[in-house]
N, C-alpha and C. Protein backbone atom coordinates (compact mmCIF):
# COMPACT_ATOMS: atom_id res chain seq x y z
N MET A 1 20.34 34.89 215.37
CA MET A 1 20.65 35.84 216.43
C MET A 1 21.30 35.09 217.61
N MET A 2 22.28 35.69 218.22
CA MET A 2 22.98 35.04 219.33
C MET A 2 22.23 35.26 220.64
N ASP A 3 22.18 34.20 221.43
CA ASP A 3 21.56 34.32 222.74
C ASP A 3 22.63 34.63 223.78
N SER A 4 22.21 34.84 225.01
CA SER A 4 23.15 35.24 226.05
C SER A 4 24.18 34.15 226.37
N LYS A 5 23.80 32.88 226.26
CA LYS A 5 24.75 31.79 226.53
C LYS A 5 25.87 31.76 225.50
N THR A 6 25.53 32.01 224.26
CA THR A 6 26.54 32.02 223.20
C THR A 6 27.50 33.18 223.42
N ILE A 7 26.97 34.34 223.77
CA ILE A 7 27.81 35.51 224.02
C ILE A 7 28.73 35.25 225.20
N GLU A 8 28.19 34.64 226.25
CA GLU A 8 29.00 34.33 227.44
C GLU A 8 30.12 33.35 227.09
N ARG A 9 29.82 32.33 226.30
CA ARG A 9 30.82 31.35 225.90
C ARG A 9 31.93 32.01 225.09
N ILE A 10 31.56 32.89 224.19
CA ILE A 10 32.56 33.60 223.37
C ILE A 10 33.44 34.46 224.25
N GLN A 11 32.84 35.14 225.22
CA GLN A 11 33.62 35.99 226.13
C GLN A 11 34.60 35.16 226.95
N GLN A 12 34.18 33.99 227.38
CA GLN A 12 35.06 33.11 228.16
C GLN A 12 36.23 32.62 227.31
N GLU A 13 35.98 32.35 226.05
CA GLU A 13 37.05 31.90 225.16
C GLU A 13 38.09 32.99 224.97
N VAL A 14 37.66 34.23 224.96
CA VAL A 14 38.58 35.35 224.79
C VAL A 14 39.37 35.59 226.07
N VAL A 15 38.72 35.51 227.22
CA VAL A 15 39.36 35.80 228.50
C VAL A 15 40.25 34.66 228.96
N SER A 16 39.88 33.43 228.66
CA SER A 16 40.59 32.26 229.14
C SER A 16 42.09 32.26 228.82
N PRO A 17 42.52 32.55 227.57
CA PRO A 17 43.96 32.57 227.32
C PRO A 17 44.70 33.63 228.13
N ASN A 18 44.06 34.77 228.37
CA ASN A 18 44.69 35.82 229.16
C ASN A 18 44.85 35.39 230.62
N LYS A 19 43.85 34.71 231.15
CA LYS A 19 43.95 34.21 232.53
C LYS A 19 45.05 33.16 232.63
N ASP A 20 45.17 32.32 231.62
CA ASP A 20 46.20 31.29 231.63
C ASP A 20 47.59 31.93 231.60
N LYS A 21 47.77 32.96 230.80
CA LYS A 21 49.08 33.65 230.76
C LYS A 21 49.40 34.27 232.10
N LEU A 22 48.40 34.87 232.74
CA LEU A 22 48.61 35.47 234.05
C LEU A 22 48.97 34.39 235.07
N PHE A 23 48.28 33.26 235.02
CA PHE A 23 48.57 32.16 235.93
C PHE A 23 49.99 31.65 235.73
N GLN A 24 50.40 31.48 234.48
CA GLN A 24 51.75 31.00 234.18
C GLN A 24 52.80 31.98 234.68
N ALA A 25 52.55 33.27 234.49
CA ALA A 25 53.50 34.29 234.96
C ALA A 25 53.59 34.27 236.48
N THR A 26 52.46 34.12 237.15
CA THR A 26 52.44 34.05 238.62
C THR A 26 53.17 32.81 239.10
N LEU A 27 52.95 31.70 238.41
CA LEU A 27 53.61 30.45 238.76
C LEU A 27 55.12 30.57 238.63
N LYS A 28 55.58 31.17 237.53
CA LYS A 28 57.02 31.35 237.33
C LYS A 28 57.60 32.26 238.40
N GLU A 29 56.87 33.29 238.78
CA GLU A 29 57.34 34.21 239.81
C GLU A 29 57.50 33.47 241.14
N LYS A 30 56.54 32.62 241.48
CA LYS A 30 56.62 31.86 242.72
C LYS A 30 57.77 30.86 242.68
N GLU A 31 57.97 30.21 241.53
CA GLU A 31 59.08 29.26 241.40
C GLU A 31 60.42 29.98 241.57
N THR A 32 60.52 31.17 241.00
CA THR A 32 61.75 31.95 241.12
C THR A 32 61.99 32.32 242.58
N GLU A 33 60.93 32.70 243.27
CA GLU A 33 61.05 33.07 244.67
C GLU A 33 61.46 31.88 245.52
N VAL A 34 60.90 30.73 245.26
CA VAL A 34 61.25 29.51 246.00
C VAL A 34 62.72 29.15 245.75
N LYS A 35 63.15 29.25 244.51
CA LYS A 35 64.56 28.96 244.20
C LYS A 35 65.48 29.91 244.94
N LYS A 36 65.10 31.17 245.01
CA LYS A 36 65.92 32.17 245.69
C LYS A 36 66.03 31.84 247.18
N VAL A 37 64.91 31.46 247.80
CA VAL A 37 64.92 31.12 249.23
C VAL A 37 65.72 29.85 249.47
N LYS A 38 65.59 28.86 248.59
CA LYS A 38 66.38 27.63 248.72
C LYS A 38 67.87 27.93 248.64
N THR A 39 68.24 28.79 247.71
CA THR A 39 69.64 29.17 247.56
C THR A 39 70.15 29.87 248.81
N ILE A 40 69.35 30.76 249.37
CA ILE A 40 69.74 31.45 250.61
C ILE A 40 69.97 30.43 251.71
N PHE A 41 69.06 29.48 251.84
CA PHE A 41 69.18 28.46 252.89
C PHE A 41 70.44 27.62 252.71
N LYS A 42 70.70 27.20 251.47
CA LYS A 42 71.89 26.37 251.20
C LYS A 42 73.18 27.15 251.44
N ASN A 43 73.21 28.38 250.95
CA ASN A 43 74.44 29.17 251.07
C ASN A 43 74.72 29.61 252.51
N SER A 44 73.69 29.69 253.32
CA SER A 44 73.88 30.15 254.70
C SER A 44 74.11 29.00 255.67
N ASN A 45 74.26 27.80 255.13
CA ASN A 45 74.54 26.63 255.97
C ASN A 45 73.41 26.41 256.98
N GLY A 46 72.18 26.36 256.49
CA GLY A 46 71.04 26.13 257.36
C GLY A 46 70.67 27.32 258.22
N LEU A 47 70.88 28.50 257.71
CA LEU A 47 70.58 29.78 258.37
C LEU A 47 71.51 30.08 259.55
N ASP A 48 72.58 29.35 259.68
CA ASP A 48 73.54 29.63 260.75
C ASP A 48 74.40 30.85 260.42
N ASN A 49 74.72 31.02 259.17
CA ASN A 49 75.60 32.10 258.74
C ASN A 49 74.87 32.88 257.64
N ILE A 50 73.97 33.78 258.04
CA ILE A 50 73.12 34.45 257.07
C ILE A 50 73.22 35.97 257.24
N SER A 51 73.23 36.66 256.12
CA SER A 51 73.28 38.11 256.18
C SER A 51 71.91 38.65 256.58
N GLU A 52 71.90 39.88 257.05
CA GLU A 52 70.65 40.51 257.48
C GLU A 52 69.68 40.67 256.31
N GLU A 53 70.20 41.01 255.16
CA GLU A 53 69.38 41.18 253.96
C GLU A 53 68.73 39.85 253.55
N ASP A 54 69.54 38.79 253.53
CA ASP A 54 69.01 37.47 253.17
C ASP A 54 67.99 36.99 254.19
N MET A 55 68.21 37.30 255.47
CA MET A 55 67.26 36.90 256.51
C MET A 55 65.92 37.60 256.31
N GLN A 56 65.94 38.84 255.88
CA GLN A 56 64.69 39.57 255.63
C GLN A 56 63.94 38.94 254.46
N ILE A 57 64.65 38.57 253.40
CA ILE A 57 64.03 37.91 252.25
C ILE A 57 63.43 36.58 252.69
N PHE A 58 64.18 35.82 253.46
CA PHE A 58 63.73 34.51 253.95
C PHE A 58 62.49 34.65 254.83
N LYS A 59 62.52 35.60 255.76
CA LYS A 59 61.38 35.81 256.66
C LYS A 59 60.14 36.25 255.89
N SER A 60 60.31 37.17 254.96
CA SER A 60 59.15 37.65 254.20
C SER A 60 58.51 36.51 253.39
N PHE A 61 59.35 35.61 252.88
CA PHE A 61 58.82 34.45 252.15
C PHE A 61 58.06 33.52 253.09
N MET A 62 58.63 33.27 254.25
CA MET A 62 58.02 32.34 255.19
C MET A 62 56.73 32.87 255.76
N LEU A 63 56.59 34.18 255.86
CA LEU A 63 55.38 34.78 256.43
C LEU A 63 54.25 34.92 255.43
N LYS A 64 54.49 34.58 254.18
CA LYS A 64 53.43 34.69 253.16
C LYS A 64 52.42 33.60 253.32
């Protein structure tokens, strides 16, 4: 008969891969966002020549 520790361990084994996938997806999303902000900064010549839309994206990233 299984005890509560065995059941808990089995549940963690099932949940763990799903948490890892979620973490990887979140990590990729953040990397994509950082790349986008870097591109905005480079293309705007250090924020000197930036569109209003790009400035909103940049500000929202910086305020996170």
